[in-house]
Amino acid sequence: MRREQHAGPLGVAIVDNDVCALDMMGLLIDRIRPPMTVLWKAVRAQDALEHCLFDERLPDVLVLDLALNGISGVDVCRAIRAKNGTIGIIGVSSYPLEPYRERMAEAGAQALFNKTQIRSRTFEGALRRAGSGVSVEGFKDFMTASTAHERLAGTRQTAVSLSRRELDVLRLYAQGMTTDEVCIRLNITANTALSHVNHVAHKLGVRRRTEAIRACQAMHLLD
């Protein structure tokens, strides 16, 4: 099923925790003709999730690195796809692709490329097809964005490997409780509560508790 297109060039977003690689991909995509527009670039998974779930203008296609700090690109892909059926998602990596291929297909991506292929016509064609909501040639095991969304929508899979107790702690902080109140409610020590928060922040690639709460809320993990 084709998506309804806005007027103007295809809108592309890029996520990569390597700033040099991020800038290089942005430059290469800016040079494509007919033109595409790089709407935004992000180094953190949290920022990408917030853009893709809450921005007024969403990208037509997201170029997503698979090795992000503290969270897998596969998990980011799944979290976005469960909530959105229009953004095309193309995974990229500097590492061998085979270990990721099945997981990215199941997570709702439309294609998967090695970063050495970004200059190729094949990659350019994949951007245009994924951004238009149609199947990408050569990736028959990958669903369209809309089909993948229908399959994943409403699932309660945790997008990152957070434990039940980690989510319990973060949920209480999100409700405005103090550390003492969290400890009393869960019968844990302050050190344990803070340790859970630090573990969550590390997995999400953020530094502050408020950032961890926002990231989990964006993925509806605290509902």
N, C-alpha and C. Protein backbone atom coordinates (compact mmCIF):
# COMPACT_ATOMS: atom_id res chain seq x y z
N MET A 1 0.84 -1.20 0.00
CA MET A 1 0.00 0.00 0.00
C MET A 1 0.88 1.24 0.00
N ARG A 2 0.63 2.17 -0.93
CA ARG A 2 1.40 3.38 -1.01
C ARG A 2 0.88 4.39 0.00
N ARG A 3 1.82 5.16 0.56
CA ARG A 3 1.43 6.21 1.49
C ARG A 3 1.15 7.48 0.74
N GLU A 4 0.32 8.33 1.32
CA GLU A 4 0.03 9.62 0.71
C GLU A 4 1.22 10.54 0.91
N GLN A 5 1.78 11.06 -0.16
CA GLN A 5 2.98 11.85 -0.09
C GLN A 5 2.69 13.34 0.08
N HIS A 6 3.51 14.04 0.88
CA HIS A 6 3.44 15.49 0.94
C HIS A 6 4.18 16.05 -0.26
N ALA A 7 3.94 17.33 -0.55
CA ALA A 7 4.65 17.96 -1.65
C ALA A 7 6.11 18.17 -1.27
N GLY A 8 7.00 18.09 -2.28
CA GLY A 8 8.40 18.37 -2.02
C GLY A 8 9.24 17.12 -1.98
N PRO A 9 10.54 17.30 -1.74
CA PRO A 9 11.47 16.18 -1.73
C PRO A 9 11.17 15.17 -0.62
N LEU A 10 11.66 13.96 -0.82
CA LEU A 10 11.53 12.92 0.20
C LEU A 10 12.25 13.37 1.47
N GLY A 11 11.59 13.24 2.62
CA GLY A 11 12.19 13.63 3.89
C GLY A 11 12.90 12.45 4.55
N VAL A 12 14.19 12.64 4.84
CA VAL A 12 15.02 11.57 5.40
C VAL A 12 15.52 11.97 6.78
N ALA A 13 15.54 11.02 7.70
CA ALA A 13 16.15 11.22 9.02
C ALA A 13 17.22 10.15 9.21
N ILE A 14 18.25 10.48 10.00
CA ILE A 14 19.39 9.58 10.17
C ILE A 14 19.72 9.46 11.65
N VAL A 15 19.99 8.22 12.09
CA VAL A 15 20.38 7.97 13.47
C VAL A 15 21.66 7.15 13.48
N ASP A 16 22.71 7.70 14.11
CA ASP A 16 23.98 7.00 14.23
C ASP A 16 24.75 7.62 15.37
N ASN A 17 25.26 6.81 16.29
CA ASN A 17 25.97 7.37 17.43
C ASN A 17 27.40 7.80 17.10
N ASP A 18 27.85 7.51 15.87
CA ASP A 18 29.14 7.98 15.39
C ASP A 18 28.91 9.29 14.64
N VAL A 19 29.34 10.40 15.21
CA VAL A 19 29.04 11.71 14.63
C VAL A 19 29.64 11.85 13.24
N CYS A 20 30.84 11.33 13.03
CA CYS A 20 31.48 11.42 11.71
C CYS A 20 30.67 10.65 10.66
N ALA A 21 30.24 9.43 11.02
CA ALA A 21 29.42 8.64 10.10
C ALA A 21 28.08 9.32 9.85
N LEU A 22 27.52 9.92 10.89
CA LEU A 22 26.24 10.63 10.77
C LEU A 22 26.35 11.77 9.77
N ASP A 23 27.40 12.58 9.92
CA ASP A 23 27.58 13.72 9.02
C ASP A 23 27.85 13.26 7.59
N MET A 24 28.64 12.19 7.45
CA MET A 24 28.96 11.69 6.11
C MET A 24 27.69 11.19 5.41
N MET A 25 26.85 10.43 6.12
CA MET A 25 25.60 9.97 5.51
C MET A 25 24.71 11.14 5.12
N GLY A 26 24.70 12.17 5.97
CA GLY A 26 23.90 13.34 5.65
C GLY A 26 24.38 14.02 4.38
N LEU A 27 25.69 14.15 4.22
CA LEU A 27 26.25 14.78 3.03
C LEU A 27 25.93 13.96 1.78
N LEU A 28 26.08 12.64 1.88
CA LEU A 28 25.82 11.79 0.73
C LEU A 28 24.35 11.85 0.30
N ILE A 29 23.45 11.85 1.28
CA ILE A 29 22.03 11.92 0.95
C ILE A 29 21.66 13.28 0.38
N ASP A 30 22.30 14.34 0.87
CA ASP A 30 22.04 15.68 0.34
C ASP A 30 22.43 15.80 -1.13
N ARG A 31 23.37 14.96 -1.58
CA ARG A 31 23.85 15.04 -2.96
C ARG A 31 23.01 14.23 -3.94
N ILE A 32 22.07 13.45 -3.44
CA ILE A 32 21.24 12.62 -4.32
C ILE A 32 20.33 13.49 -5.18
N ARG A 33 20.19 13.12 -6.43
CA ARG A 33 19.29 13.81 -7.35
C ARG A 33 18.38 12.80 -8.03
N PRO A 34 17.06 13.07 -8.18
CA PRO A 34 16.34 14.22 -7.63
C PRO A 34 16.55 14.33 -6.12
N PRO A 35 16.46 15.54 -5.60
CA PRO A 35 16.89 15.78 -4.22
C PRO A 35 16.02 15.12 -3.15
N MET A 36 16.68 14.83 -2.04
CA MET A 36 16.02 14.43 -0.81
C MET A 36 16.40 15.45 0.25
N THR A 37 15.59 15.59 1.27
CA THR A 37 15.86 16.54 2.34
C THR A 37 16.15 15.80 3.64
N VAL A 38 17.30 16.07 4.25
CA VAL A 38 17.60 15.51 5.57
C VAL A 38 16.89 16.38 6.61
N LEU A 39 15.83 15.84 7.20
CA LEU A 39 15.03 16.60 8.15
C LEU A 39 15.74 16.77 9.48
N TRP A 40 16.38 15.72 9.93
CA TRP A 40 17.14 15.78 11.18
C TRP A 40 18.10 14.61 11.28
N LYS A 41 19.10 14.79 12.15
CA LYS A 41 20.07 13.73 12.45
C LYS A 41 20.15 13.59 13.97
N ALA A 42 20.32 12.38 14.45
CA ALA A 42 20.36 12.14 15.89
C ALA A 42 21.45 11.14 16.22
N VAL A 43 22.10 11.34 17.37
CA VAL A 43 23.10 10.38 17.84
C VAL A 43 22.54 9.50 18.95
N ARG A 44 21.41 9.88 19.52
CA ARG A 44 20.83 9.12 20.63
C ARG A 44 19.50 8.48 20.21
N ALA A 45 19.32 7.26 20.66
CA ALA A 45 18.08 6.55 20.38
C ALA A 45 16.88 7.30 20.92
N GLN A 46 17.02 7.89 22.11
CA GLN A 46 15.91 8.60 22.72
C GLN A 46 15.42 9.74 21.84
N ASP A 47 16.36 10.50 21.27
CA ASP A 47 15.98 11.63 20.41
C ASP A 47 15.25 11.14 19.16
N ALA A 48 15.76 10.05 18.59
CA ALA A 48 15.12 9.49 17.39
C ALA A 48 13.69 9.05 17.69
N LEU A 49 13.50 8.38 18.81
CA LEU A 49 12.17 7.92 19.19
C LEU A 49 11.21 9.10 19.36
N GLU A 50 11.66 10.15 20.02
CA GLU A 50 10.79 11.29 20.25
C GLU A 50 10.44 11.98 18.93
N HIS A 51 11.42 12.12 18.03
CA HIS A 51 11.15 12.71 16.72
C HIS A 51 10.11 11.88 15.96
N CYS A 52 10.34 10.57 15.92
CA CYS A 52 9.48 9.70 15.10
C CYS A 52 8.10 9.49 15.68
N LEU A 53 7.95 9.70 16.96
CA LEU A 53 6.65 9.48 17.58
C LEU A 53 5.85 10.76 17.79
N PHE A 54 6.55 11.93 17.85
CA PHE A 54 5.84 13.13 18.26
C PHE A 54 5.99 14.34 17.34
N ASP A 55 6.94 14.33 16.40
CA ASP A 55 7.09 15.50 15.52
C ASP A 55 5.86 15.70 14.64
N GLU A 56 5.58 16.95 14.30
CA GLU A 56 4.44 17.24 13.42
C GLU A 56 4.70 16.71 12.02
N ARG A 57 5.91 16.97 11.49
CA ARG A 57 6.27 16.38 10.20
C ARG A 57 7.22 15.22 10.45
N LEU A 58 6.77 14.05 10.08
CA LEU A 58 7.57 12.85 10.25
C LEU A 58 8.40 12.60 9.00
N PRO A 59 9.55 11.95 9.15
CA PRO A 59 10.32 11.61 7.95
C PRO A 59 9.61 10.57 7.10
N ASP A 60 9.88 10.59 5.81
CA ASP A 60 9.37 9.54 4.94
C ASP A 60 10.15 8.25 5.16
N VAL A 61 11.44 8.40 5.45
CA VAL A 61 12.28 7.23 5.64
C VAL A 61 13.35 7.55 6.69
N LEU A 62 13.63 6.57 7.52
CA LEU A 62 14.62 6.68 8.59
C LEU A 62 15.78 5.74 8.28
N VAL A 63 17.01 6.29 8.27
CA VAL A 63 18.22 5.49 8.12
C VAL A 63 18.75 5.25 9.53
N LEU A 64 18.77 3.99 9.95
CA LEU A 64 18.99 3.64 11.35
C LEU A 64 20.21 2.74 11.53
N ASP A 65 21.22 3.25 12.23
CA ASP A 65 22.39 2.43 12.57
C ASP A 65 21.97 1.36 13.57
N LEU A 66 22.56 0.19 13.47
CA LEU A 66 22.14 -0.92 14.33
C LEU A 66 22.89 -0.97 15.65
N ALA A 67 24.03 -0.29 15.75
CA ALA A 67 24.84 -0.35 16.97
C ALA A 67 24.83 1.02 17.65
N LEU A 68 23.82 1.28 18.47
CA LEU A 68 23.70 2.53 19.20
C LEU A 68 24.13 2.33 20.64
N ASN A 69 24.43 3.40 21.33
CA ASN A 69 24.88 3.29 22.71
C ASN A 69 23.77 2.80 23.62
N GLY A 70 23.96 1.62 24.20
CA GLY A 70 23.04 1.13 25.22
C GLY A 70 21.76 0.52 24.70
N ILE A 71 21.50 0.58 23.41
CA ILE A 71 20.26 0.03 22.86
C ILE A 71 20.51 -0.38 21.42
N SER A 72 19.94 -1.47 21.01
CA SER A 72 20.11 -1.96 19.65
C SER A 72 19.20 -1.22 18.68
N GLY A 73 19.70 -0.99 17.47
CA GLY A 73 18.86 -0.41 16.44
C GLY A 73 17.64 -1.26 16.15
N VAL A 74 17.76 -2.57 16.36
CA VAL A 74 16.62 -3.47 16.18
C VAL A 74 15.50 -3.09 17.14
N ASP A 75 15.85 -2.80 18.38
CA ASP A 75 14.85 -2.42 19.38
C ASP A 75 14.21 -1.07 19.06
N VAL A 76 15.03 -0.13 18.57
CA VAL A 76 14.50 1.18 18.18
C VAL A 76 13.53 1.02 17.02
N CYS A 77 13.90 0.20 16.05
CA CYS A 77 13.04 -0.07 14.90
C CYS A 77 11.70 -0.64 15.36
N ARG A 78 11.73 -1.62 16.25
CA ARG A 78 10.50 -2.25 16.71
C ARG A 78 9.61 -1.26 17.47
N ALA A 79 10.24 -0.40 18.28
CA ALA A 79 9.47 0.56 19.05
C ALA A 79 8.77 1.57 18.14
N ILE A 80 9.46 2.01 17.10
CA ILE A 80 8.85 2.95 16.15
C ILE A 80 7.75 2.26 15.35
N ARG A 81 8.07 1.07 14.85
CA ARG A 81 7.11 0.39 13.98
C ARG A 81 5.82 0.02 14.71
N ALA A 82 5.91 -0.29 15.99
CA ALA A 82 4.71 -0.64 16.73
C ALA A 82 3.74 0.53 16.82
N LYS A 83 4.27 1.76 16.68
CA LYS A 83 3.43 2.95 16.81
C LYS A 83 3.22 3.68 15.49
N ASN A 84 3.99 3.33 14.45
CA ASN A 84 3.90 4.08 13.20
C ASN A 84 3.98 3.15 12.00
N GLY A 85 3.07 3.34 11.05
CA GLY A 85 3.04 2.49 9.87
C GLY A 85 3.34 3.21 8.59
N THR A 86 3.93 4.41 8.67
CA THR A 86 4.22 5.17 7.45
C THR A 86 5.70 5.43 7.23
N ILE A 87 6.48 5.54 8.29
CA ILE A 87 7.91 5.83 8.13
C ILE A 87 8.63 4.58 7.63
N GLY A 88 9.28 4.68 6.47
CA GLY A 88 10.12 3.59 6.02
C GLY A 88 11.39 3.55 6.87
N ILE A 89 11.85 2.35 7.22
CA ILE A 89 13.05 2.22 8.05
C ILE A 89 14.07 1.35 7.34
N ILE A 90 15.26 1.89 7.15
CA ILE A 90 16.36 1.15 6.53
C ILE A 90 17.51 1.05 7.52
N GLY A 91 17.86 -0.17 7.89
CA GLY A 91 18.97 -0.39 8.80
C GLY A 91 20.30 -0.32 8.07
N VAL A 92 21.31 0.21 8.76
CA VAL A 92 22.67 0.24 8.21
C VAL A 92 23.66 -0.18 9.29
N SER A 93 24.76 -0.78 8.86
CA SER A 93 25.77 -1.22 9.82
C SER A 93 27.12 -1.37 9.12
N SER A 94 28.17 -1.21 9.91
CA SER A 94 29.53 -1.47 9.41
C SER A 94 29.91 -2.93 9.61
N TYR A 95 29.09 -3.67 10.32
CA TYR A 95 29.38 -5.06 10.66
C TYR A 95 28.65 -6.00 9.70
N PRO A 96 29.01 -7.29 9.70
CA PRO A 96 28.30 -8.26 8.86
C PRO A 96 26.80 -8.21 9.12
N LEU A 97 26.02 -8.28 8.07
CA LEU A 97 24.58 -8.06 8.18
C LEU A 97 23.77 -9.30 8.53
N GLU A 98 24.29 -10.47 8.24
CA GLU A 98 23.51 -11.68 8.38
C GLU A 98 22.91 -11.88 9.77
N PRO A 99 23.67 -11.60 10.87
CA PRO A 99 23.07 -11.79 12.20
C PRO A 99 21.88 -10.87 12.47
N TYR A 100 21.77 -9.79 11.70
CA TYR A 100 20.71 -8.81 11.93
C TYR A 100 19.52 -8.97 10.99
N ARG A 101 19.72 -9.66 9.88
CA ARG A 101 18.73 -9.64 8.81
C ARG A 101 17.35 -10.09 9.28
N GLU A 102 17.26 -11.25 9.88
CA GLU A 102 15.96 -11.78 10.31
C GLU A 102 15.36 -10.91 11.41
N ARG A 103 16.19 -10.44 12.33
CA ARG A 103 15.69 -9.62 13.44
C ARG A 103 15.15 -8.28 12.95
N MET A 104 15.83 -7.67 11.98
CA MET A 104 15.34 -6.40 11.46
C MET A 104 14.06 -6.58 10.66
N ALA A 105 13.97 -7.68 9.93
CA ALA A 105 12.73 -7.96 9.19
C ALA A 105 11.57 -8.12 10.16
N GLU A 106 11.78 -8.85 11.24
CA GLU A 106 10.73 -9.06 12.23
C GLU A 106 10.38 -7.79 12.98
N ALA A 107 11.36 -6.87 13.10
CA ALA A 107 11.14 -5.62 13.83
C ALA A 107 10.45 -4.57 12.97
N GLY A 108 10.22 -4.87 11.68
CA GLY A 108 9.45 -3.96 10.85
C GLY A 108 10.24 -3.06 9.93
N ALA A 109 11.54 -3.38 9.72
CA ALA A 109 12.34 -2.59 8.77
C ALA A 109 11.99 -2.97 7.34
N GLN A 110 12.41 -2.12 6.39
CA GLN A 110 12.12 -2.39 4.98
C GLN A 110 13.35 -2.86 4.20
N ALA A 111 14.53 -2.63 4.75
CA ALA A 111 15.76 -3.06 4.07
C ALA A 111 16.92 -2.95 5.03
N LEU A 112 18.04 -3.54 4.64
CA LEU A 112 19.23 -3.56 5.47
C LEU A 112 20.47 -3.49 4.58
N PHE A 113 21.36 -2.52 4.86
CA PHE A 113 22.54 -2.31 4.03
C PHE A 113 23.80 -2.16 4.87
N ASN A 114 24.91 -2.57 4.30
CA ASN A 114 26.21 -2.23 4.87
C ASN A 114 26.50 -0.77 4.54
N LYS A 115 27.19 -0.08 5.42
CA LYS A 115 27.45 1.34 5.20
C LYS A 115 28.29 1.59 3.95
N THR A 116 29.03 0.59 3.51
CA THR A 116 29.81 0.76 2.27
C THR A 116 28.90 0.88 1.05
N GLN A 117 27.62 0.53 1.19
CA GLN A 117 26.68 0.56 0.06
C GLN A 117 25.89 1.86 -0.03
N ILE A 118 26.14 2.79 0.90
CA ILE A 118 25.32 3.99 0.97
C ILE A 118 25.47 4.87 -0.28
N ARG A 119 26.62 4.79 -0.95
CA ARG A 119 26.83 5.57 -2.16
C ARG A 119 26.15 4.95 -3.39
N SER A 120 25.61 3.76 -3.25
CA SER A 120 25.13 3.01 -4.42
C SER A 120 23.74 3.44 -4.86
N ARG A 121 23.45 3.17 -6.14
CA ARG A 121 22.12 3.41 -6.68
C ARG A 121 21.09 2.51 -6.01
N THR A 122 21.54 1.33 -5.60
CA THR A 122 20.64 0.40 -4.94
C THR A 122 20.12 0.99 -3.63
N PHE A 123 21.02 1.61 -2.88
CA PHE A 123 20.62 2.24 -1.62
C PHE A 123 19.69 3.42 -1.88
N GLU A 124 20.02 4.22 -2.88
CA GLU A 124 19.15 5.35 -3.23
C GLU A 124 17.75 4.87 -3.60
N GLY A 125 17.69 3.79 -4.40
CA GLY A 125 16.39 3.25 -4.77
C GLY A 125 15.62 2.74 -3.57
N ALA A 126 16.35 2.14 -2.62
CA ALA A 126 15.69 1.64 -1.40
C ALA A 126 15.11 2.79 -0.59
N LEU A 127 15.83 3.90 -0.51
CA LEU A 127 15.31 5.06 0.19
C LEU A 127 13.99 5.52 -0.42
N ARG A 128 13.96 5.60 -1.74
CA ARG A 128 12.76 6.11 -2.41
C ARG A 128 11.59 5.13 -2.26
N ARG A 129 11.86 3.85 -2.38
CA ARG A 129 10.77 2.88 -2.30
C ARG A 129 10.25 2.75 -0.85
N ALA A 130 11.18 2.66 0.09
CA ALA A 130 10.75 2.57 1.49
C ALA A 130 10.01 3.83 1.91
N GLY A 131 10.47 4.99 1.43
CA GLY A 131 9.82 6.25 1.77
C GLY A 131 8.49 6.44 1.09
N SER A 132 8.22 5.64 0.08
CA SER A 132 6.94 5.71 -0.64
C SER A 132 5.96 4.64 -0.19
N GLY A 133 6.39 3.82 0.76
CA GLY A 133 5.49 2.81 1.32
C GLY A 133 5.38 1.54 0.53
N VAL A 134 6.31 1.29 -0.41
CA VAL A 134 6.25 0.07 -1.21
C VAL A 134 7.44 -0.83 -0.88
N SER A 135 7.36 -2.09 -1.29
CA SER A 135 8.41 -3.05 -1.00
C SER A 135 9.72 -2.65 -1.68
N VAL A 136 10.82 -2.96 -1.01
CA VAL A 136 12.15 -2.67 -1.56
C VAL A 136 12.64 -3.89 -2.31
N GLU A 137 13.05 -3.69 -3.54
CA GLU A 137 13.52 -4.80 -4.37
C GLU A 137 14.74 -5.45 -3.73
N GLY A 138 14.74 -6.78 -3.75
CA GLY A 138 15.86 -7.53 -3.18
C GLY A 138 15.69 -7.86 -1.71
N PHE A 139 14.56 -7.43 -1.12
CA PHE A 139 14.32 -7.69 0.30
C PHE A 139 12.92 -8.31 0.47
N LYS A 140 12.75 -9.46 -0.14
CA LYS A 140 11.44 -10.10 -0.15
C LYS A 140 10.99 -10.57 1.23
N ASP A 141 11.95 -10.76 2.16
CA ASP A 141 11.58 -11.19 3.51
C ASP A 141 11.16 -10.02 4.40
N PHE A 142 11.28 -8.80 3.89
CA PHE A 142 10.95 -7.60 4.66
C PHE A 142 9.57 -7.10 4.25
N MET A 143 8.77 -6.72 5.23
CA MET A 143 7.43 -6.23 4.97
C MET A 143 7.45 -4.74 4.65
N THR A 144 6.37 -4.25 4.06
CA THR A 144 6.20 -2.80 3.94
C THR A 144 5.95 -2.23 5.33
N ALA A 145 6.12 -0.92 5.45
CA ALA A 145 5.91 -0.28 6.75
C ALA A 145 4.50 -0.50 7.28
N SER A 146 3.51 -0.37 6.40
CA SER A 146 2.12 -0.50 6.85
C SER A 146 1.80 -1.92 7.29
N THR A 147 2.29 -2.91 6.54
CA THR A 147 2.04 -4.31 6.90
C THR A 147 2.72 -4.66 8.21
N ALA A 148 3.97 -4.20 8.38
CA ALA A 148 4.70 -4.48 9.62
C ALA A 148 4.02 -3.83 10.81
N HIS A 149 3.51 -2.62 10.60
CA HIS A 149 2.82 -1.92 11.69
C HIS A 149 1.56 -2.68 12.12
N GLU A 150 0.81 -3.16 11.16
CA GLU A 150 -0.39 -3.92 11.49
C GLU A 150 -0.05 -5.16 12.31
N ARG A 151 1.10 -5.75 12.03
CA ARG A 151 1.51 -6.95 12.76
C ARG A 151 2.00 -6.63 14.16
N LEU A 152 2.68 -5.49 14.29
CA LEU A 152 3.30 -5.16 15.58
C LEU A 152 2.43 -4.25 16.46
N ALA A 153 1.49 -3.55 15.86
CA ALA A 153 0.68 -2.60 16.64
C ALA A 153 -0.04 -3.31 17.77
N GLY A 154 0.01 -2.70 18.92
CA GLY A 154 -0.70 -3.27 20.07
C GLY A 154 0.07 -4.33 20.81
N THR A 155 1.25 -4.71 20.32
CA THR A 155 2.04 -5.70 21.06
C THR A 155 2.62 -5.03 22.28
N ARG A 156 2.84 -5.81 23.29
CA ARG A 156 3.38 -5.28 24.53
C ARG A 156 4.81 -5.71 24.76
N GLN A 157 5.52 -6.00 23.66
CA GLN A 157 6.91 -6.38 23.79
C GLN A 157 7.71 -5.19 24.30
N THR A 158 8.61 -5.43 25.23
CA THR A 158 9.48 -4.38 25.71
C THR A 158 10.53 -4.08 24.66
N ALA A 159 10.63 -2.83 24.22
CA ALA A 159 11.54 -2.48 23.14
C ALA A 159 13.00 -2.60 23.54
N VAL A 160 13.30 -2.48 24.81
CA VAL A 160 14.65 -2.71 25.30
C VAL A 160 14.55 -3.71 26.43
N SER A 161 15.67 -4.33 26.76
CA SER A 161 15.65 -5.41 27.75
C SER A 161 15.68 -4.84 29.16
N LEU A 162 14.59 -4.21 29.57
CA LEU A 162 14.47 -3.70 30.93
C LEU A 162 13.72 -4.72 31.78
N SER A 163 14.20 -4.90 32.99
CA SER A 163 13.55 -5.85 33.89
C SER A 163 12.27 -5.26 34.45
N ARG A 164 11.44 -6.15 34.98
CA ARG A 164 10.18 -5.70 35.58
C ARG A 164 10.45 -4.75 36.74
N ARG A 165 11.45 -5.05 37.55
CA ARG A 165 11.75 -4.20 38.71
C ARG A 165 12.29 -2.83 38.26
N GLU A 166 13.11 -2.83 37.22
CA GLU A 166 13.60 -1.55 36.69
C GLU A 166 12.44 -0.66 36.25
N LEU A 167 11.47 -1.26 35.57
CA LEU A 167 10.31 -0.50 35.13
C LEU A 167 9.44 -0.06 36.30
N ASP A 168 9.34 -0.92 37.33
CA ASP A 168 8.57 -0.55 38.52
C ASP A 168 9.16 0.70 39.17
N VAL A 169 10.48 0.71 39.31
CA VAL A 169 11.16 1.85 39.93
C VAL A 169 10.94 3.11 39.11
N LEU A 170 11.16 3.01 37.81
CA LEU A 170 11.03 4.19 36.95
C LEU A 170 9.58 4.69 36.91
N ARG A 171 8.64 3.77 36.94
CA ARG A 171 7.22 4.15 36.90
C ARG A 171 6.85 4.98 38.13
N LEU A 172 7.37 4.61 39.29
CA LEU A 172 7.06 5.36 40.51
C LEU A 172 7.72 6.74 40.49
N TYR A 173 8.95 6.81 39.98
CA TYR A 173 9.58 8.13 39.83
C TYR A 173 8.77 8.99 38.86
N ALA A 174 8.26 8.38 37.80
CA ALA A 174 7.46 9.13 36.81
C ALA A 174 6.18 9.68 37.44
N GLN A 175 5.70 9.02 38.49
CA GLN A 175 4.50 9.47 39.20
C GLN A 175 4.80 10.59 40.19
N GLY A 176 6.09 10.97 40.30
CA GLY A 176 6.47 12.07 41.16
C GLY A 176 6.95 11.67 42.55
N MET A 177 7.14 10.37 42.77
CA MET A 177 7.60 9.92 44.09
C MET A 177 9.07 10.27 44.32
N THR A 178 9.42 10.48 45.58
CA THR A 178 10.81 10.66 45.96
C THR A 178 11.49 9.30 46.08
N THR A 179 12.81 9.32 46.21
CA THR A 179 13.53 8.05 46.37
C THR A 179 13.08 7.31 47.62
N ASP A 180 12.86 8.06 48.72
CA ASP A 180 12.40 7.42 49.95
C ASP A 180 11.04 6.76 49.75
N GLU A 181 10.15 7.43 49.03
CA GLU A 181 8.82 6.88 48.79
C GLU A 181 8.88 5.64 47.89
N VAL A 182 9.77 5.68 46.89
CA VAL A 182 9.95 4.52 46.02
C VAL A 182 10.45 3.33 46.83
N CYS A 183 11.40 3.59 47.72
CA CYS A 183 11.98 2.52 48.54
C CYS A 183 10.95 1.89 49.47
N ILE A 184 10.12 2.73 50.06
CA ILE A 184 9.08 2.21 50.95
C ILE A 184 8.08 1.38 50.17
N ARG A 185 7.66 1.88 49.00
CA ARG A 185 6.66 1.18 48.20
C ARG A 185 7.17 -0.19 47.73
N LEU A 186 8.44 -0.25 47.33
CA LEU A 186 8.98 -1.49 46.76
C LEU A 186 9.81 -2.31 47.76
N ASN A 187 9.95 -1.75 48.98
CA ASN A 187 10.73 -2.44 50.02
C ASN A 187 12.16 -2.72 49.55
N ILE A 188 12.80 -1.67 49.04
CA ILE A 188 14.19 -1.77 48.59
C ILE A 188 14.98 -0.63 49.21
N THR A 189 16.31 -0.70 49.13
CA THR A 189 17.16 0.36 49.66
C THR A 189 17.32 1.46 48.62
N ALA A 190 17.80 2.62 49.09
CA ALA A 190 18.05 3.73 48.17
C ALA A 190 19.12 3.36 47.14
N ASN A 191 20.14 2.64 47.59
CA ASN A 191 21.20 2.22 46.66
C ASN A 191 20.64 1.33 45.56
N THR A 192 19.71 0.45 45.92
CA THR A 192 19.11 -0.43 44.92
C THR A 192 18.26 0.37 43.93
N ALA A 193 17.48 1.31 44.44
CA ALA A 193 16.65 2.14 43.56
C ALA A 193 17.51 2.92 42.57
N LEU A 194 18.56 3.54 43.08
CA LEU A 194 19.44 4.33 42.21
C LEU A 194 20.19 3.44 41.24
N SER A 195 20.53 2.23 41.67
CA SER A 195 21.20 1.29 40.78
C SER A 195 20.30 0.91 39.61
N HIS A 196 19.01 0.67 39.90
CA HIS A 196 18.06 0.35 38.83
C HIS A 196 17.96 1.51 37.83
N VAL A 197 17.91 2.73 38.34
CA VAL A 197 17.81 3.90 37.46
C VAL A 197 19.07 4.01 36.58
N ASN A 198 20.23 3.79 37.18
CA ASN A 198 21.48 3.86 36.42
C ASN A 198 21.53 2.80 35.33
N HIS A 199 21.05 1.60 35.64
CA HIS A 199 21.04 0.52 34.65
C HIS A 199 20.12 0.88 33.47
N VAL A 200 18.95 1.43 33.79
CA VAL A 200 18.01 1.83 32.74
C VAL A 200 18.63 2.92 31.87
N ALA A 201 19.22 3.92 32.50
CA ALA A 201 19.83 5.02 31.75
C ALA A 201 20.92 4.51 30.82
N HIS A 202 21.73 3.57 31.32
CA HIS A 202 22.81 3.01 30.49
C HIS A 202 22.23 2.26 29.28
N LYS A 203 21.19 1.48 29.51
CA LYS A 203 20.59 0.71 28.41
C LYS A 203 19.98 1.62 27.35
N LEU A 204 19.46 2.77 27.79
CA LEU A 204 18.81 3.69 26.86
C LEU A 204 19.77 4.70 26.25
N GLY A 205 21.01 4.72 26.75
CA GLY A 205 21.99 5.66 26.22
C GLY A 205 21.76 7.09 26.66
N VAL A 206 21.20 7.27 27.88
CA VAL A 206 20.96 8.61 28.41
C VAL A 206 21.71 8.75 29.74
N ARG A 207 21.70 9.97 30.28
CA ARG A 207 22.46 10.22 31.52
C ARG A 207 21.56 10.53 32.71
N ARG A 208 20.42 11.13 32.46
CA ARG A 208 19.59 11.60 33.58
C ARG A 208 18.34 10.74 33.74
N ARG A 209 17.85 10.70 34.98
CA ARG A 209 16.63 9.94 35.27
C ARG A 209 15.46 10.49 34.47
N THR A 210 15.37 11.81 34.37
CA THR A 210 14.26 12.41 33.61
C THR A 210 14.31 11.99 32.14
N GLU A 211 15.51 11.86 31.58
CA GLU A 211 15.64 11.43 30.19
C GLU A 211 15.22 9.98 30.04
N ALA A 212 15.58 9.15 31.02
CA ALA A 212 15.19 7.75 30.98
C ALA A 212 13.67 7.62 31.05
N ILE A 213 13.03 8.43 31.89
CA ILE A 213 11.58 8.40 32.02
C ILE A 213 10.92 8.81 30.69
N ARG A 214 11.43 9.86 30.09
CA ARG A 214 10.86 10.33 28.81
C ARG A 214 11.01 9.28 27.72
N ALA A 215 12.17 8.63 27.68
CA ALA A 215 12.40 7.60 26.66
C ALA A 215 11.44 6.44 26.85
N CYS A 216 11.26 6.00 28.09
CA CYS A 216 10.35 4.89 28.36
C CYS A 216 8.90 5.28 28.09
N GLN A 217 8.55 6.52 28.40
CA GLN A 217 7.19 6.98 28.10
C GLN A 217 6.96 7.03 26.60
N ALA A 218 7.99 7.42 25.85
CA ALA A 218 7.85 7.46 24.38
C ALA A 218 7.59 6.07 23.80
N MET A 219 8.15 5.05 24.47
CA MET A 219 7.94 3.68 24.02
C MET A 219 6.76 3.01 24.72
N HIS A 220 6.03 3.81 25.53
CA HIS A 220 4.84 3.32 26.24
C HIS A 220 5.18 2.15 27.17
N LEU A 221 6.36 2.19 27.78
CA LEU A 221 6.76 1.13 28.68
C LEU A 221 6.27 1.36 30.11
N LEU A 222 5.81 2.58 30.38
CA LEU A 222 5.37 2.91 31.74
C LEU A 222 3.84 2.99 31.84
N ASP A 223 3.15 2.64 30.77
CA ASP A 223 1.67 2.70 30.77
C ASP A 223 1.09 1.71 31.78
